[in-house]
């Protein structure tokens, strides 16, 4: 089942909240993305920024699993959300 852009943005906002609450990962995300704490709120409505959140999350299977377990989501949801956002890779799995 394909995810809509609205669903993807909602999932990305959940991921952003999860990252913001994670004292270990938040500084890693900020360093990797070049974002500042102020950007988290100011840019939360930008699909490109939300895509960067999901791309960061999907860099590590353990992060994906922890996020998905915390939100009762299938482990494929973050990647599906990436694909539904503008600029996301349009990979088709078989």
PDB file of N, CA and C in Angstrom:
ATOM      1  N   UNK A   1       0.836  -1.180   0.000  1.00  0.00           N
ATOM      2  CA  UNK A   1       0.000   0.000   0.000  1.00  0.00           C
ATOM      3  C   UNK A   1       0.886   1.250   0.000  1.00  0.00           C
ATOM      4  N   UNK A   2       0.563   2.169  -0.875  1.00  0.00           N
ATOM      5  CA  UNK A   2       1.355   3.384  -1.002  1.00  0.00           C
ATOM      6  C   UNK A   2       0.855   4.445  -0.021  1.00  0.00           C
ATOM      7  N   UNK A   3       1.784   5.193   0.518  1.00  0.00           N
ATOM      8  CA  UNK A   3       1.486   6.227   1.497  1.00  0.00           C
ATOM      9  C   UNK A   3       1.286   7.558   0.774  1.00  0.00           C
ATOM     10  N   UNK A   4       0.328   8.358   1.245  1.00  0.00           N
ATOM     11  CA  UNK A   4       0.125   9.694   0.682  1.00  0.00           C
ATOM     12  C   UNK A   4       1.157  10.650   1.270  1.00  0.00           C
ATOM     13  N   UNK A   5       1.289  11.817   0.648  1.00  0.00           N
ATOM     14  CA  UNK A   5       2.218  12.818   1.177  1.00  0.00           C
ATOM     15  C   UNK A   5       1.778  13.274   2.565  1.00  0.00           C
ATOM     16  N   UNK A   6       0.480  13.446   2.780  1.00  0.00           N
ATOM     17  CA  UNK A   6      -0.002  13.861   4.105  1.00  0.00           C
ATOM     18  C   UNK A   6       0.333  12.817   5.168  1.00  0.00           C
ATOM     19  N   UNK A   7       0.143  11.546   4.844  1.00  0.00           N
ATOM     20  CA  UNK A   7       0.487  10.479   5.785  1.00  0.00           C
ATOM     21  C   UNK A   7       1.988  10.469   6.056  1.00  0.00           C
ATOM     22  N   UNK A   8       2.778  10.687   5.009  1.00  0.00           N
ATOM     23  CA  UNK A   8       4.235  10.702   5.151  1.00  0.00           C
ATOM     24  C   UNK A   8       4.679  11.863   6.033  1.00  0.00           C
ATOM     25  N   UNK A   9       4.067  13.020   5.844  1.00  0.00           N
ATOM     26  CA  UNK A   9       4.421  14.174   6.669  1.00  0.00           C
ATOM     27  C   UNK A   9       4.051  13.935   8.129  1.00  0.00           C
ATOM     28  N   UNK A  10       2.918  13.303   8.370  1.00  0.00           N
ATOM     29  CA  UNK A  10       2.517  12.979   9.742  1.00  0.00           C
ATOM     30  C   UNK A  10       3.511  12.024  10.381  1.00  0.00           C
ATOM     31  N   UNK A  11       3.906  10.998   9.649  1.00  0.00           N
ATOM     32  CA  UNK A  11       4.888  10.047  10.173  1.00  0.00           C
ATOM     33  C   UNK A  11       6.223  10.745  10.428  1.00  0.00           C
ATOM     34  N   UNK A  12       6.618  11.619   9.521  1.00  0.00           N
ATOM     35  CA  UNK A  12       7.883  12.347   9.692  1.00  0.00           C
ATOM     36  C   UNK A  12       7.836  13.247  10.914  1.00  0.00           C
ATOM     37  N   UNK A  13       6.694  13.867  11.183  1.00  0.00           N
ATOM     38  CA  UNK A  13       6.555  14.679  12.392  1.00  0.00           C
ATOM     39  C   UNK A  13       6.656  13.814  13.642  1.00  0.00           C
ATOM     40  N   UNK A  14       6.106  12.612  13.584  1.00  0.00           N
ATOM     41  CA  UNK A  14       6.268  11.675  14.703  1.00  0.00           C
ATOM     42  C   UNK A  14       7.746  11.335  14.894  1.00  0.00           C
ATOM     43  N   UNK A  15       8.439  11.116  13.791  1.00  0.00           N
ATOM     44  CA  UNK A  15       9.867  10.804  13.857  1.00  0.00           C
ATOM     45  C   UNK A  15      10.656  11.991  14.414  1.00  0.00           C
ATOM     46  N   UNK A  16      10.279  13.192  14.011  1.00  0.00           N
ATOM     47  CA  UNK A  16      10.946  14.379  14.533  1.00  0.00           C
ATOM     48  C   UNK A  16      10.738  14.491  16.039  1.00  0.00           C
ATOM     49  N   UNK A  17       9.528  14.255  16.500  1.00  0.00           N
ATOM     50  CA  UNK A  17       9.256  14.277  17.941  1.00  0.00           C
ATOM     51  C   UNK A  17      10.040  13.206  18.673  1.00  0.00           C
ATOM     52  N   UNK A  18      10.130  12.033  18.073  1.00  0.00           N
ATOM     53  CA  UNK A  18      10.889  10.928  18.671  1.00  0.00           C
ATOM     54  C   UNK A  18      12.371  11.295  18.769  1.00  0.00           C
ATOM     55  N   UNK A  19      12.905  11.889  17.699  1.00  0.00           N
ATOM     56  CA  UNK A  19      14.305  12.313  17.726  1.00  0.00           C
ATOM     57  C   UNK A  19      14.534  13.407  18.757  1.00  0.00           C
ATOM     58  N   UNK A  20      13.622  14.365  18.819  1.00  0.00           N
ATOM     59  CA  UNK A  20      13.774  15.483  19.752  1.00  0.00           C
ATOM     60  C   UNK A  20      13.775  15.007  21.201  1.00  0.00           C
ATOM     61  N   UNK A  21      13.093  13.918  21.467  1.00  0.00           N
ATOM     62  CA  UNK A  21      13.030  13.380  22.822  1.00  0.00           C
ATOM     63  C   UNK A  21      14.193  12.438  23.138  1.00  0.00           C
ATOM     64  N   UNK A  22      15.009  12.149  22.150  1.00  0.00           N
ATOM     65  CA  UNK A  22      16.116  11.210  22.315  1.00  0.00           C
ATOM     66  C   UNK A  22      17.410  11.992  22.550  1.00  0.00           C
ATOM     67  N   UNK A  23      17.848  12.032  23.800  1.00  0.00           N
ATOM     68  CA  UNK A  23      19.028  12.823  24.168  1.00  0.00           C
ATOM     69  C   UNK A  23      20.311  12.379  23.485  1.00  0.00           C
ATOM     70  N   UNK A  24      20.381  11.112  23.073  1.00  0.00           N
ATOM     71  CA  UNK A  24      21.585  10.617  22.406  1.00  0.00           C
ATOM     72  C   UNK A  24      21.568  10.903  20.907  1.00  0.00           C
ATOM     73  N   UNK A  25      20.404  10.726  20.274  1.00  0.00           N
ATOM     74  CA  UNK A  25      20.331  10.880  18.824  1.00  0.00           C
ATOM     75  C   UNK A  25      20.126  12.312  18.350  1.00  0.00           C
ATOM     76  N   UNK A  26      19.472  13.124  19.145  1.00  0.00           N
ATOM     77  CA  UNK A  26      19.201  14.491  18.697  1.00  0.00           C
ATOM     78  C   UNK A  26      20.477  15.235  18.312  1.00  0.00           C
ATOM     79  N   UNK A  27      21.523  15.218  19.144  1.00  0.00           N
ATOM     80  CA  UNK A  27      22.756  15.924  18.735  1.00  0.00           C
ATOM     81  C   UNK A  27      23.377  15.338  17.466  1.00  0.00           C
ATOM     82  N   UNK A  28      23.221  14.033  17.269  1.00  0.00           N
ATOM     83  CA  UNK A  28      23.760  13.397  16.057  1.00  0.00           C
ATOM     84  C   UNK A  28      22.991  13.904  14.838  1.00  0.00           C
ATOM     85  N   UNK A  29      21.662  13.966  14.956  1.00  0.00           N
ATOM     86  CA  UNK A  29      20.847  14.489  13.855  1.00  0.00           C
ATOM     87  C   UNK A  29      21.196  15.943  13.565  1.00  0.00           C
ATOM     88  N   UNK A  30      21.294  16.751  14.592  1.00  0.00           N
ATOM     89  CA  UNK A  30      21.620  18.167  14.391  1.00  0.00           C
ATOM     90  C   UNK A  30      22.965  18.325  13.704  1.00  0.00           C
ATOM     91  N   UNK A  31      23.942  17.548  14.128  1.00  0.00           N
ATOM     92  CA  UNK A  31      25.262  17.614  13.512  1.00  0.00           C
ATOM     93  C   UNK A  31      25.258  17.133  12.073  1.00  0.00           C
ATOM     94  N   UNK A  32      24.529  16.060  11.813  1.00  0.00           N
ATOM     95  CA  UNK A  32      24.493  15.496  10.462  1.00  0.00           C
ATOM     96  C   UNK A  32      23.712  16.377   9.500  1.00  0.00           C
ATOM     97  N   UNK A  33      22.655  17.014   9.990  1.00  0.00           N
ATOM     98  CA  UNK A  33      21.796  17.809   9.112  1.00  0.00           C
ATOM     99  C   UNK A  33      22.215  19.272   9.019  1.00  0.00           C
ATOM    100  N   UNK A  34      23.005  19.715   9.985  1.00  0.00           N
ATOM    101  CA  UNK A  34      23.362  21.128  10.033  1.00  0.00           C
ATOM    102  C   UNK A  34      22.258  22.003  10.596  1.00  0.00           C
ATOM    103  N   UNK A  35      21.205  21.371  11.102  1.00  0.00           N
ATOM    104  CA  UNK A  35      20.081  22.113  11.681  1.00  0.00           C
ATOM    105  C   UNK A  35      20.412  22.545  13.103  1.00  0.00           C
ATOM    106  N   UNK A  36      19.760  23.608  13.537  1.00  0.00           N
ATOM    107  CA  UNK A  36      19.853  24.070  14.923  1.00  0.00           C
ATOM    108  C   UNK A  36      18.562  23.696  15.633  1.00  0.00           C
ATOM    109  N   UNK A  37      18.582  23.740  16.951  1.00  0.00           N
ATOM    110  CA  UNK A  37      17.373  23.416  17.713  1.00  0.00           C
ATOM    111  C   UNK A  37      16.172  24.241  17.254  1.00  0.00           C
ATOM    112  N   UNK A  38      16.405  25.512  16.959  1.00  0.00           N
ATOM    113  CA  UNK A  38      15.324  26.391  16.516  1.00  0.00           C
ATOM    114  C   UNK A  38      14.694  25.907  15.212  1.00  0.00           C
ATOM    115  N   UNK A  39      15.496  25.242  14.382  1.00  0.00           N
ATOM    116  CA  UNK A  39      15.010  24.755  13.091  1.00  0.00           C
ATOM    117  C   UNK A  39      13.973  23.648  13.250  1.00  0.00           C
ATOM    118  N   UNK A  40      14.044  22.906  14.340  1.00  0.00           N
ATOM    119  CA  UNK A  40      13.126  21.784  14.515  1.00  0.00           C
ATOM    120  C   UNK A  40      11.681  22.250  14.467  1.00  0.00           C
ATOM    121  N   UNK A  41      11.395  23.329  15.120  1.00  0.00           N
ATOM    122  CA  UNK A  41      10.027  23.858  15.128  1.00  0.00           C
ATOM    123  C   UNK A  41       9.771  24.716  13.883  1.00  0.00           C
ATOM    124  N   UNK A  42      10.726  25.543  13.529  1.00  0.00           N
ATOM    125  CA  UNK A  42      10.536  26.489  12.427  1.00  0.00           C
ATOM    126  C   UNK A  42      10.383  25.798  11.075  1.00  0.00           C
ATOM    127  N   UNK A  43      11.026  24.651  10.896  1.00  0.00           N
ATOM    128  CA  UNK A  43      11.019  23.980   9.594  1.00  0.00           C
ATOM    129  C   UNK A  43      10.179  22.721   9.561  1.00  0.00           C
ATOM    130  N   UNK A  44       9.436  22.453  10.631  1.00  0.00           N
ATOM    131  CA  UNK A  44       8.662  21.219  10.741  1.00  0.00           C
ATOM    132  C   UNK A  44       7.552  21.100   9.698  1.00  0.00           C
ATOM    133  N   UNK A  45       7.211  22.194   9.032  1.00  0.00           N
ATOM    134  CA  UNK A  45       6.172  22.136   8.007  1.00  0.00           C
ATOM    135  C   UNK A  45       6.746  22.057   6.588  1.00  0.00           C
ATOM    136  N   UNK A  46       8.064  21.925   6.480  1.00  0.00           N
ATOM    137  CA  UNK A  46       8.721  21.848   5.177  1.00  0.00           C
ATOM    138  C   UNK A  46       8.947  20.394   4.786  1.00  0.00           C
ATOM    139  N   UNK A  47       8.352  19.936   3.681  1.00  0.00           N
ATOM    140  CA  UNK A  47       8.546  18.541   3.269  1.00  0.00           C
ATOM    141  C   UNK A  47      10.012  18.150   3.117  1.00  0.00           C
ATOM    142  N   UNK A  48      10.847  19.066   2.643  1.00  0.00           N
ATOM    143  CA  UNK A  48      12.271  18.752   2.482  1.00  0.00           C
ATOM    144  C   UNK A  48      12.964  18.492   3.808  1.00  0.00           C
ATOM    145  N   UNK A  49      12.612  19.275   4.806  1.00  0.00           N
ATOM    146  CA  UNK A  49      13.189  19.064   6.137  1.00  0.00           C
ATOM    147  C   UNK A  49      12.673  17.754   6.730  1.00  0.00           C
ATOM    148  N   UNK A  50      11.384  17.483   6.551  1.00  0.00           N
ATOM    149  CA  UNK A  50      10.818  16.230   7.047  1.00  0.00           C
ATOM    150  C   UNK A  50      11.468  15.033   6.363  1.00  0.00           C
ATOM    151  N   UNK A  51      11.768  15.178   5.087  1.00  0.00           N
ATOM    152  CA  UNK A  51      12.475  14.111   4.375  1.00  0.00           C
ATOM    153  C   UNK A  51      13.852  13.886   4.991  1.00  0.00           C
ATOM    154  N   UNK A  52      14.540  14.956   5.362  1.00  0.00           N
ATOM    155  CA  UNK A  52      15.867  14.792   5.976  1.00  0.00           C
ATOM    156  C   UNK A  52      15.765  14.058   7.316  1.00  0.00           C
ATOM    157  N   UNK A  53      14.687  14.283   8.047  1.00  0.00           N
ATOM    158  CA  UNK A  53      14.467  13.561   9.307  1.00  0.00           C
ATOM    159  C   UNK A  53      14.335  12.072   9.024  1.00  0.00           C
ATOM    160  N   UNK A  54      13.516  11.733   8.053  1.00  0.00           N
ATOM    161  CA  UNK A  54      13.303  10.314   7.728  1.00  0.00           C
ATOM    162  C   UNK A  54      14.552   9.670   7.142  1.00  0.00           C
ATOM    163  N   UNK A  55      15.266  10.409   6.309  1.00  0.00           N
ATOM    164  CA  UNK A  55      16.503   9.852   5.750  1.00  0.00           C
ATOM    165  C   UNK A  55      17.523   9.585   6.849  1.00  0.00           C
ATOM    166  N   UNK A  56      17.601  10.470   7.822  1.00  0.00           N
ATOM    167  CA  UNK A  56      18.498  10.248   8.953  1.00  0.00           C
ATOM    168  C   UNK A  56      18.058   9.005   9.722  1.00  0.00           C
ATOM    169  N   UNK A  57      16.785   8.920  10.031  1.00  0.00           N
ATOM    170  CA  UNK A  57      16.261   7.787  10.797  1.00  0.00           C
ATOM    171  C   UNK A  57      16.559   6.462  10.117  1.00  0.00           C
ATOM    172  N   UNK A  58      16.413   6.428   8.801  1.00  0.00           N
ATOM    173  CA  UNK A  58      16.588   5.170   8.074  1.00  0.00           C
ATOM    174  C   UNK A  58      18.056   4.791   7.844  1.00  0.00           C
ATOM    175  N   UNK A  59      18.966   5.583   8.360  1.00  0.00           N
ATOM    176  CA  UNK A  59      20.388   5.247   8.247  1.00  0.00           C
ATOM    177  C   UNK A  59      20.781   4.069   9.131  1.00  0.00           C
ATOM    178  N   UNK A  60      19.979   3.765  10.134  1.00  0.00           N
ATOM    179  CA  UNK A  60      20.339   2.706  11.075  1.00  0.00           C
ATOM    180  C   UNK A  60      19.105   1.863  11.382  1.00  0.00           C
ATOM    181  N   UNK A  61      19.209   0.572  11.143  1.00  0.00           N
ATOM    182  CA  UNK A  61      18.079  -0.329  11.389  1.00  0.00           C
ATOM    183  C   UNK A  61      17.614  -0.285  12.839  1.00  0.00           C
ATOM    184  N   UNK A  62      18.536  -0.122  13.764  1.00  0.00           N
ATOM    185  CA  UNK A  62      18.161  -0.080  15.183  1.00  0.00           C
ATOM    186  C   UNK A  62      17.294   1.148  15.478  1.00  0.00           C
ATOM    187  N   UNK A  63      17.596   2.270  14.828  1.00  0.00           N
ATOM    188  CA  UNK A  63      16.790   3.476  15.027  1.00  0.00           C
ATOM    189  C   UNK A  63      15.398   3.280  14.451  1.00  0.00           C
ATOM    190  N   UNK A  64      15.338   2.681  13.261  1.00  0.00           N
ATOM    191  CA  UNK A  64      14.042   2.410  12.620  1.00  0.00           C
ATOM    192  C   UNK A  64      13.205   1.513  13.524  1.00  0.00           C
ATOM    193  N   UNK A  65      13.817   0.462  14.012  1.00  0.00           N
ATOM    194  CA  UNK A  65      13.083  -0.480  14.861  1.00  0.00           C
ATOM    195  C   UNK A  65      12.608   0.187  16.147  1.00  0.00           C
ATOM    196  N   UNK A  66      13.459   0.984  16.775  1.00  0.00           N
ATOM    197  CA  UNK A  66      13.071   1.652  18.026  1.00  0.00           C
ATOM    198  C   UNK A  66      11.934   2.633  17.782  1.00  0.00           C
ATOM    199  N   UNK A  67      12.026   3.416  16.715  1.00  0.00           N
ATOM    200  CA  UNK A  67      10.961   4.373  16.395  1.00  0.00           C
ATOM    201  C   UNK A  67       9.662   3.640  16.079  1.00  0.00           C
ATOM    202  N   UNK A  68       9.737   2.658  15.213  1.00  0.00           N
ATOM    203  CA  UNK A  68       8.530   1.932  14.807  1.00  0.00           C
ATOM    204  C   UNK A  68       7.906   1.183  15.981  1.00  0.00           C
ATOM    205  N   UNK A  69       8.725   0.593  16.826  1.00  0.00           N
ATOM    206  CA  UNK A  69       8.198  -0.090  18.015  1.00  0.00           C
ATOM    207  C   UNK A  69       7.493   0.901  18.931  1.00  0.00           C
ATOM    208  N   UNK A  70       8.053   2.088  19.078  1.00  0.00           N
ATOM    209  CA  UNK A  70       7.466   3.106  19.958  1.00  0.00           C
ATOM    210  C   UNK A  70       6.131   3.617  19.431  1.00  0.00           C
ATOM    211  N   UNK A  71       5.914   3.518  18.111  1.00  0.00           N
ATOM    212  CA  UNK A  71       4.691   4.042  17.498  1.00  0.00           C
ATOM    213  C   UNK A  71       3.822   2.946  16.884  1.00  0.00           C
ATOM    214  N   UNK A  72       4.149   1.694  17.166  1.00  0.00           N
ATOM    215  CA  UNK A  72       3.383   0.548  16.651  1.00  0.00           C
ATOM    216  C   UNK A  72       3.228   0.613  15.125  1.00  0.00           C
ATOM    217  N   UNK A  73       4.338   0.856  14.452  1.00  0.00           N
ATOM    218  CA  UNK A  73       4.347   0.947  12.995  1.00  0.00           C
ATOM    219  C   UNK A  73       5.149  -0.209  12.410  1.00  0.00           C
ATOM    220  N   UNK A  74       4.834  -0.618  11.189  1.00  0.00           N
ATOM    221  CA  UNK A  74       5.685  -1.618  10.535  1.00  0.00           C
ATOM    222  C   UNK A  74       7.055  -1.010  10.230  1.00  0.00           C
ATOM    223  N   UNK A  75       8.064  -1.839  10.225  1.00  0.00           N
ATOM    224  CA  UNK A  75       9.425  -1.346  10.014  1.00  0.00           C
ATOM    225  C   UNK A  75       9.629  -0.722   8.634  1.00  0.00           C
ATOM    226  N   UNK A  76       8.752  -0.979   7.712  1.00  0.00           N
ATOM    227  CA  UNK A  76       8.865  -0.411   6.370  1.00  0.00           C
ATOM    228  C   UNK A  76       8.274   1.002   6.277  1.00  0.00           C
ATOM    229  N   UNK A  77       7.551   1.438   7.288  1.00  0.00           N
ATOM    230  CA  UNK A  77       6.840   2.721   7.234  1.00  0.00           C
ATOM    231  C   UNK A  77       7.755   3.928   6.987  1.00  0.00           C
ATOM    232  N   UNK A  78       8.891   4.060   7.680  1.00  0.00           N
ATOM    233  CA  UNK A  78       9.736   5.240   7.416  1.00  0.00           C
ATOM    234  C   UNK A  78      10.231   5.328   5.968  1.00  0.00           C
ATOM    235  N   UNK A  79      10.583   4.204   5.376  1.00  0.00           N
ATOM    236  CA  UNK A  79      11.050   4.230   3.988  1.00  0.00           C
ATOM    237  C   UNK A  79       9.891   4.534   3.041  1.00  0.00           C
ATOM    238  N   UNK A  80       8.720   4.003   3.336  1.00  0.00           N
ATOM    239  CA  UNK A  80       7.548   4.322   2.518  1.00  0.00           C
ATOM    240  C   UNK A  80       7.237   5.817   2.601  1.00  0.00           C
ATOM    241  N   UNK A  81       7.399   6.383   3.781  1.00  0.00           N
ATOM    242  CA  UNK A  81       7.172   7.822   3.950  1.00  0.00           C
ATOM    243  C   UNK A  81       8.202   8.623   3.151  1.00  0.00           C
ATOM    244  N   UNK A  82       9.446   8.188   3.158  1.00  0.00           N
ATOM    245  CA  UNK A  82      10.478   8.859   2.351  1.00  0.00           C
ATOM    246  C   UNK A  82      10.063   8.900   0.887  1.00  0.00           C
ATOM    247  N   UNK A  83       9.568   7.799   0.398  1.00  0.00           N
ATOM    248  CA  UNK A  83       9.192   7.701  -1.008  1.00  0.00           C
ATOM    249  C   UNK A  83       7.992   8.574  -1.342  1.00  0.00           C
ATOM    250  N   UNK A  84       7.155   8.866  -0.364  1.00  0.00           N
ATOM    251  CA  UNK A  84       5.946   9.659  -0.604  1.00  0.00           C
ATOM    252  C   UNK A  84       6.190  11.160  -0.535  1.00  0.00           C
ATOM    253  N   UNK A  85       7.347  11.572  -0.040  1.00  0.00           N
ATOM    254  CA  UNK A  85       7.654  12.995   0.081  1.00  0.00           C
ATOM    255  C   UNK A  85       8.377  13.495  -1.164  1.00  0.00           C
ATOM    256  N   UNK A  86       8.161  14.749  -1.544  1.00  0.00           N
ATOM    257  CA  UNK A  86       8.872  15.312  -2.697  1.00  0.00           C
ATOM    258  C   UNK A  86      10.383  15.187  -2.510  1.00  0.00           C
ATOM    259  N   UNK A  87      11.043  14.674  -3.530  1.00  0.00           N
ATOM    260  CA  UNK A  87      12.492  14.509  -3.477  1.00  0.00           C
ATOM    261  C   UNK A  87      12.926  13.162  -2.933  1.00  0.00           C
ATOM    262  N   UNK A  88      11.987  12.396  -2.405  1.00  0.00           N
ATOM    263  CA  UNK A  88      12.309  11.065  -1.881  1.00  0.00           C
ATOM    264  C   UNK A  88      12.556  10.090  -3.003  1.00  0.00           C
ATOM    265  N   UNK A  89      13.403   9.131  -2.744  1.00  0.00           N
ATOM    266  CA  UNK A  89      13.730   8.122  -3.752  1.00  0.00           C
ATOM    267  C   UNK A  89      12.490   7.316  -4.092  1.00  0.00           C
ATOM    268  N   UNK A  90      12.277   7.089  -5.355  1.00  0.00           N
ATOM    269  CA  UNK A  90      11.119   6.331  -5.800  1.00  0.00           C
ATOM    270  C   UNK A  90      11.521   4.875  -6.077  1.00  0.00           C
ATOM    271  N   UNK A  91      12.068   4.223  -5.070  1.00  0.00           N
ATOM    272  CA  UNK A  91      12.490   2.839  -5.175  1.00  0.00           C
ATOM    273  C   UNK A  91      11.268   1.940  -5.061  1.00  0.00           C
ATOM    274  N   UNK A  92      11.202   0.944  -5.907  1.00  0.00           N
ATOM    275  CA  UNK A  92      10.115  -0.030  -5.838  1.00  0.00           C
ATOM    276  C   UNK A  92      10.696  -1.365  -5.399  1.00  0.00           C
ATOM    277  N   UNK A  93      10.185  -1.877  -4.298  1.00  0.00           N
ATOM    278  CA  UNK A  93      10.675  -3.160  -3.793  1.00  0.00           C
ATOM    279  C   UNK A  93       9.882  -4.277  -4.414  1.00  0.00           C
ATOM    280  N   UNK A  94      10.530  -5.423  -4.555  1.00  0.00           N
ATOM    281  CA  UNK A  94       9.834  -6.594  -5.078  1.00  0.00           C
ATOM    282  C   UNK A  94       9.600  -7.593  -3.990  1.00  0.00           C
TER     283      UNK A  94
END
